[in-house]
Amino acid sequence: RLRAVAPLSVSWSQDVIFCTALLG
């Protein structure tokens, strides 16, 4: 039930990204 209402499914992404900017 919790996974069904989660906007970001596990398959969508499992990563944390460090970057210079969101558009960087």
PDB file of all heavy atoms in Angstrom:
ATOM      1  N   ARG A   1       0.832  -1.202   0.000  1.00  0.00           N
ATOM      2  CA  ARG A   1       0.000   0.000   0.000  1.00  0.00           C
ATOM      3  C   ARG A   1       0.870   1.256   0.000  1.00  0.00           C
ATOM      4  O   ARG A   1       0.571   2.237  -0.700  1.00  0.00           O
ATOM      5  CB  ARG A   1      -0.938  -0.002   1.203  1.00  0.00           C
ATOM      6  CG  ARG A   1      -2.080  -0.983   1.069  1.00  0.00           C
ATOM      7  CD  ARG A   1      -2.853  -1.187   2.347  1.00  0.00           C
ATOM      8  NE  ARG A   1      -3.487   0.038   2.843  1.00  0.00           N
ATOM      9  CZ  ARG A   1      -4.278   0.067   3.910  1.00  0.00           C
ATOM     10  NH1 ARG A   1      -4.537  -1.058   4.582  1.00  0.00           N
ATOM     11  NH2 ARG A   1      -4.820   1.205   4.302  1.00  0.00           N
ATOM     12  N   LEU A   2       1.949   1.238   0.769  1.00  0.00           N
ATOM     13  CA  LEU A   2       2.828   2.399   0.802  1.00  0.00           C
ATOM     14  C   LEU A   2       3.526   2.595  -0.541  1.00  0.00           C
ATOM     15  O   LEU A   2       3.603   3.713  -1.060  1.00  0.00           O
ATOM     16  CB  LEU A   2       3.856   2.246   1.921  1.00  0.00           C
ATOM     17  CG  LEU A   2       4.756   3.477   2.081  1.00  0.00           C
ATOM     18  CD1 LEU A   2       4.494   4.146   3.427  1.00  0.00           C
ATOM     19  CD2 LEU A   2       6.223   3.107   1.984  1.00  0.00           C
ATOM     20  N   ARG A   3       4.007   1.519  -1.129  1.00  0.00           N
ATOM     21  CA  ARG A   3       4.697   1.646  -2.417  1.00  0.00           C
ATOM     22  C   ARG A   3       3.733   2.130  -3.505  1.00  0.00           C
ATOM     23  O   ARG A   3       4.137   2.844  -4.420  1.00  0.00           O
ATOM     24  CB  ARG A   3       5.323   0.305  -2.806  1.00  0.00           C
ATOM     25  CG  ARG A   3       6.449  -0.147  -1.895  1.00  0.00           C
ATOM     26  CD  ARG A   3       7.282  -1.228  -2.544  1.00  0.00           C
ATOM     27  NE  ARG A   3       8.136  -1.914  -1.594  1.00  0.00           N
ATOM     28  CZ  ARG A   3       9.309  -1.483  -1.162  1.00  0.00           C
ATOM     29  NH1 ARG A   3       9.766  -0.321  -1.599  1.00  0.00           N
ATOM     30  NH2 ARG A   3      10.018  -2.182  -0.303  1.00  0.00           N
ATOM     31  N   ALA A   4       2.469   1.738  -3.398  1.00  0.00           N
ATOM     32  CA  ALA A   4       1.498   2.114  -4.426  1.00  0.00           C
ATOM     33  C   ALA A   4       1.258   3.616  -4.471  1.00  0.00           C
ATOM     34  O   ALA A   4       0.931   4.161  -5.533  1.00  0.00           O
ATOM     35  CB  ALA A   4       0.185   1.373  -4.195  1.00  0.00           C
ATOM     36  N   VAL A   5       1.412   4.302  -3.333  1.00  0.00           N
ATOM     37  CA  VAL A   5       1.170   5.743  -3.310  1.00  0.00           C
ATOM     38  C   VAL A   5       2.465   6.551  -3.396  1.00  0.00           C
ATOM     39  O   VAL A   5       2.409   7.773  -3.489  1.00  0.00           O
ATOM     40  CB  VAL A   5       0.385   6.162  -2.045  1.00  0.00           C
ATOM     41  CG1 VAL A   5      -0.940   5.425  -1.969  1.00  0.00           C
ATOM     42  CG2 VAL A   5       1.193   5.923  -0.776  1.00  0.00           C
ATOM     43  N   ALA A   6       3.620   5.883  -3.381  1.00  0.00           N
ATOM     44  CA  ALA A   6       4.894   6.595  -3.470  1.00  0.00           C
ATOM     45  C   ALA A   6       5.087   7.142  -4.881  1.00  0.00           C
ATOM     46  O   ALA A   6       5.038   6.385  -5.852  1.00  0.00           O
ATOM     47  CB  ALA A   6       6.043   5.661  -3.104  1.00  0.00           C
ATOM     48  N   PRO A   7       5.298   8.445  -5.034  1.00  0.00           N
ATOM     49  CA  PRO A   7       5.459   9.013  -6.381  1.00  0.00           C
ATOM     50  C   PRO A   7       6.701   8.506  -7.104  1.00  0.00           C
ATOM     51  O   PRO A   7       6.698   8.406  -8.330  1.00  0.00           O
ATOM     52  CB  PRO A   7       5.551  10.520  -6.117  1.00  0.00           C
ATOM     53  CG  PRO A   7       4.933  10.727  -4.775  1.00  0.00           C
ATOM     54  CD  PRO A   7       5.261   9.489  -4.003  1.00  0.00           C
ATOM     55  N   LEU A   8       7.769   8.213  -6.359  1.00  0.00           N
ATOM     56  CA  LEU A   8       9.017   7.759  -6.962  1.00  0.00           C
ATOM     57  C   LEU A   8       9.188   6.282  -6.660  1.00  0.00           C
ATOM     58  O   LEU A   8       9.552   5.897  -5.536  1.00  0.00           O
ATOM     59  CB  LEU A   8      10.215   8.545  -6.421  1.00  0.00           C
ATOM     60  CG  LEU A   8      10.112  10.077  -6.446  1.00  0.00           C
ATOM     61  CD1 LEU A   8      11.402  10.692  -5.913  1.00  0.00           C
ATOM     62  CD2 LEU A   8       9.802  10.586  -7.838  1.00  0.00           C
ATOM     63  N   SER A   9       8.938   5.436  -7.629  1.00  0.00           N
ATOM     64  CA  SER A   9       9.119   4.002  -7.411  1.00  0.00           C
ATOM     65  C   SER A   9      10.607   3.692  -7.288  1.00  0.00           C
ATOM     66  O   SER A   9      11.463   4.452  -7.769  1.00  0.00           O
ATOM     67  CB  SER A   9       8.519   3.206  -8.572  1.00  0.00           C
ATOM     68  OG  SER A   9       9.249   3.439  -9.765  1.00  0.00           O
ATOM     69  N   VAL A  10      10.913   2.566  -6.675  1.00  0.00           N
ATOM     70  CA  VAL A  10      12.311   2.163  -6.539  1.00  0.00           C
ATOM     71  C   VAL A  10      12.939   1.981  -7.920  1.00  0.00           C
ATOM     72  O   VAL A  10      14.128   2.279  -8.113  1.00  0.00           O
ATOM     73  CB  VAL A  10      12.422   0.865  -5.709  1.00  0.00           C
ATOM     74  CG1 VAL A  10      13.856   0.360  -5.679  1.00  0.00           C
ATOM     75  CG2 VAL A  10      11.922   1.101  -4.290  1.00  0.00           C
ATOM     76  N   SER A  11      12.163   1.523  -8.890  1.00  0.00           N
ATOM     77  CA  SER A  11      12.714   1.312 -10.232  1.00  0.00           C
ATOM     78  C   SER A  11      13.052   2.623 -10.934  1.00  0.00           C
ATOM     79  O   SER A  11      13.866   2.643 -11.861  1.00  0.00           O
ATOM     80  CB  SER A  11      11.729   0.511 -11.077  1.00  0.00           C
ATOM     81  OG  SER A  11      10.511   1.216 -11.244  1.00  0.00           O
ATOM     82  N   TRP A  12      12.436   3.743 -10.494  1.00  0.00           N
ATOM     83  CA  TRP A  12      12.701   5.020 -11.152  1.00  0.00           C
ATOM     84  C   TRP A  12      14.142   5.465 -10.922  1.00  0.00           C
ATOM     85  O   TRP A  12      14.818   5.933 -11.842  1.00  0.00           O
ATOM     86  CB  TRP A  12      11.718   6.079 -10.644  1.00  0.00           C
ATOM     87  CG  TRP A  12      11.899   7.418 -11.281  1.00  0.00           C
ATOM     88  CD1 TRP A  12      11.505   7.788 -12.538  1.00  0.00           C
ATOM     89  CD2 TRP A  12      12.528   8.567 -10.715  1.00  0.00           C
ATOM     90  NE1 TRP A  12      11.855   9.101 -12.786  1.00  0.00           N
ATOM     91  CE2 TRP A  12      12.482   9.599 -11.680  1.00  0.00           C
ATOM     92  CE3 TRP A  12      13.112   8.829  -9.475  1.00  0.00           C
ATOM     93  CZ2 TRP A  12      13.011  10.865 -11.439  1.00  0.00           C
ATOM     94  CZ3 TRP A  12      13.648  10.089  -9.239  1.00  0.00           C
ATOM     95  CH2 TRP A  12      13.589  11.083 -10.217  1.00  0.00           C
ATOM     96  N   SER A  13      14.623   5.324  -9.702  1.00  0.00           N
ATOM     97  CA  SER A  13      16.022   5.651  -9.405  1.00  0.00           C
ATOM     98  C   SER A  13      16.403   5.096  -8.043  1.00  0.00           C
ATOM     99  O   SER A  13      15.574   5.034  -7.134  1.00  0.00           O
ATOM    100  CB  SER A  13      16.266   7.166  -9.422  1.00  0.00           C
ATOM    101  OG  SER A  13      17.618   7.448  -9.084  1.00  0.00           O
ATOM    102  N   GLN A  14      17.654   4.717  -7.916  1.00  0.00           N
ATOM    103  CA  GLN A  14      18.209   4.294  -6.635  1.00  0.00           C
ATOM    104  C   GLN A  14      19.461   5.103  -6.285  1.00  0.00           C
ATOM    105  O   GLN A  14      20.215   4.727  -5.388  1.00  0.00           O
ATOM    106  CB  GLN A  14      18.582   2.802  -6.667  1.00  0.00           C
ATOM    107  CG  GLN A  14      17.484   1.872  -7.141  1.00  0.00           C
ATOM    108  CD  GLN A  14      17.523   1.672  -8.649  1.00  0.00           C
ATOM    109  OE1 GLN A  14      18.580   1.449  -9.220  1.00  0.00           O
ATOM    110  NE2 GLN A  14      16.377   1.760  -9.301  1.00  0.00           N
ATOM    111  N   ASP A  15      19.669   6.216  -6.975  1.00  0.00           N
ATOM    112  CA  ASP A  15      20.938   6.929  -6.876  1.00  0.00           C
ATOM    113  C   ASP A  15      20.813   8.288  -6.196  1.00  0.00           C
ATOM    114  O   ASP A  15      19.765   8.937  -6.242  1.00  0.00           O
ATOM    115  CB  ASP A  15      21.527   7.157  -8.269  1.00  0.00           C
ATOM    116  CG  ASP A  15      21.888   5.865  -8.972  1.00  0.00           C
ATOM    117  OD1 ASP A  15      21.850   4.809  -8.323  1.00  0.00           O
ATOM    118  OD2 ASP A  15      22.203   5.913 -10.173  1.00  0.00           O
ATOM    119  N   VAL A  16      21.925   8.711  -5.590  1.00  0.00           N
ATOM    120  CA  VAL A  16      22.141  10.093  -5.172  1.00  0.00           C
ATOM    121  C   VAL A  16      23.266  10.643  -6.034  1.00  0.00           C
ATOM    122  O   VAL A  16      24.329  10.016  -6.152  1.00  0.00           O
ATOM    123  CB  VAL A  16      22.512  10.186  -3.684  1.00  0.00           C
ATOM    124  CG1 VAL A  16      23.010  11.577  -3.327  1.00  0.00           C
ATOM    125  CG2 VAL A  16      21.325   9.798  -2.804  1.00  0.00           C
ATOM    126  N   ILE A  17      23.047  11.815  -6.643  1.00  0.00           N
ATOM    127  CA  ILE A  17      24.034  12.402  -7.544  1.00  0.00           C
ATOM    128  C   ILE A  17      24.530  13.724  -6.971  1.00  0.00           C
ATOM    129  O   ILE A  17      23.730  14.577  -6.566  1.00  0.00           O
ATOM    130  CB  ILE A  17      23.431  12.628  -8.945  1.00  0.00           C
ATOM    131  CG1 ILE A  17      23.143  11.285  -9.618  1.00  0.00           C
ATOM    132  CG2 ILE A  17      24.367  13.473  -9.813  1.00  0.00           C
ATOM    133  CD1 ILE A  17      22.497  11.411 -10.983  1.00  0.00           C
ATOM    134  N   PHE A  18      25.846  13.885  -6.916  1.00  0.00           N
ATOM    135  CA  PHE A  18      26.475  15.161  -6.580  1.00  0.00           C
ATOM    136  C   PHE A  18      26.828  15.872  -7.884  1.00  0.00           C
ATOM    137  O   PHE A  18      27.349  15.245  -8.817  1.00  0.00           O
ATOM    138  CB  PHE A  18      27.733  14.943  -5.736  1.00  0.00           C
ATOM    139  CG  PHE A  18      27.449  14.659  -4.295  1.00  0.00           C
ATOM    140  CD1 PHE A  18      26.952  13.423  -3.898  1.00  0.00           C
ATOM    141  CD2 PHE A  18      27.666  15.628  -3.322  1.00  0.00           C
ATOM    142  CE1 PHE A  18      26.687  13.158  -2.565  1.00  0.00           C
ATOM    143  CE2 PHE A  18      27.395  15.377  -1.992  1.00  0.00           C
ATOM    144  CZ  PHE A  18      26.903  14.137  -1.610  1.00  0.00           C
ATOM    145  N   CYS A  19      26.537  17.178  -7.942  1.00  0.00           N
ATOM    146  CA  CYS A  19      26.692  17.900  -9.195  1.00  0.00           C
ATOM    147  C   CYS A  19      27.052  19.364  -8.922  1.00  0.00           C
ATOM    148  O   CYS A  19      26.949  19.850  -7.794  1.00  0.00           O
ATOM    149  CB  CYS A  19      25.408  17.817 -10.015  1.00  0.00           C
ATOM    150  SG  CYS A  19      23.917  18.320  -9.106  1.00  0.00           S
ATOM    151  N   THR A  20      27.446  20.049  -9.970  1.00  0.00           N
ATOM    152  CA  THR A  20      27.778  21.472  -9.844  1.00  0.00           C
ATOM    153  C   THR A  20      26.520  22.330  -9.788  1.00  0.00           C
ATOM    154  O   THR A  20      26.543  23.446  -9.288  1.00  0.00           O
ATOM    155  CB  THR A  20      28.634  21.924 -11.023  1.00  0.00           C
ATOM    156  OG1 THR A  20      27.914  21.688 -12.249  1.00  0.00           O
ATOM    157  CG2 THR A  20      29.950  21.148 -11.062  1.00  0.00           C
ATOM    158  N   ALA A  21      25.425  21.844 -10.332  1.00  0.00           N
ATOM    159  CA  ALA A  21      24.102  22.463 -10.289  1.00  0.00           C
ATOM    160  C   ALA A  21      23.139  21.434 -10.855  1.00  0.00           C
ATOM    161  O   ALA A  21      23.555  20.455 -11.488  1.00  0.00           O
ATOM    162  CB  ALA A  21      24.047  23.755 -11.104  1.00  0.00           C
ATOM    163  N   LEU A  22      21.855  21.642 -10.602  1.00  0.00           N
ATOM    164  CA  LEU A  22      20.886  20.690 -11.141  1.00  0.00           C
ATOM    165  C   LEU A  22      20.979  20.633 -12.657  1.00  0.00           C
ATOM    166  O   LEU A  22      20.815  19.572 -13.263  1.00  0.00           O
ATOM    167  CB  LEU A  22      19.474  21.077 -10.711  1.00  0.00           C
ATOM    168  CG  LEU A  22      18.362  20.114 -11.134  1.00  0.00           C
ATOM    169  CD1 LEU A  22      18.548  18.746 -10.485  1.00  0.00           C
ATOM    170  CD2 LEU A  22      16.994  20.686 -10.779  1.00  0.00           C
ATOM    171  N   LEU A  23      21.242  21.769 -13.272  1.00  0.00           N
ATOM    172  CA  LEU A  23      21.416  21.816 -14.715  1.00  0.00           C
ATOM    173  C   LEU A  23      22.891  21.837 -15.087  1.00  0.00           C
ATOM    174  O   LEU A  23      23.267  22.293 -16.181  1.00  0.00           O
ATOM    175  CB  LEU A  23      20.701  23.043 -15.300  1.00  0.00           C
ATOM    176  CG  LEU A  23      19.208  23.152 -14.977  1.00  0.00           C
ATOM    177  CD1 LEU A  23      18.600  24.350 -15.689  1.00  0.00           C
ATOM    178  CD2 LEU A  23      18.462  21.880 -15.335  1.00  0.00           C
ATOM    179  N   GLY A  24      23.736  21.322 -14.185  1.00  0.00           N
ATOM    180  CA  GLY A  24      25.167  21.361 -14.400  1.00  0.00           C
ATOM    181  C   GLY A  24      25.778  20.003 -14.674  1.00  0.00           C
ATOM    182  O   GLY A  24      25.180  19.148 -15.332  1.00  0.00           O
TER     183      GLY A  24
END
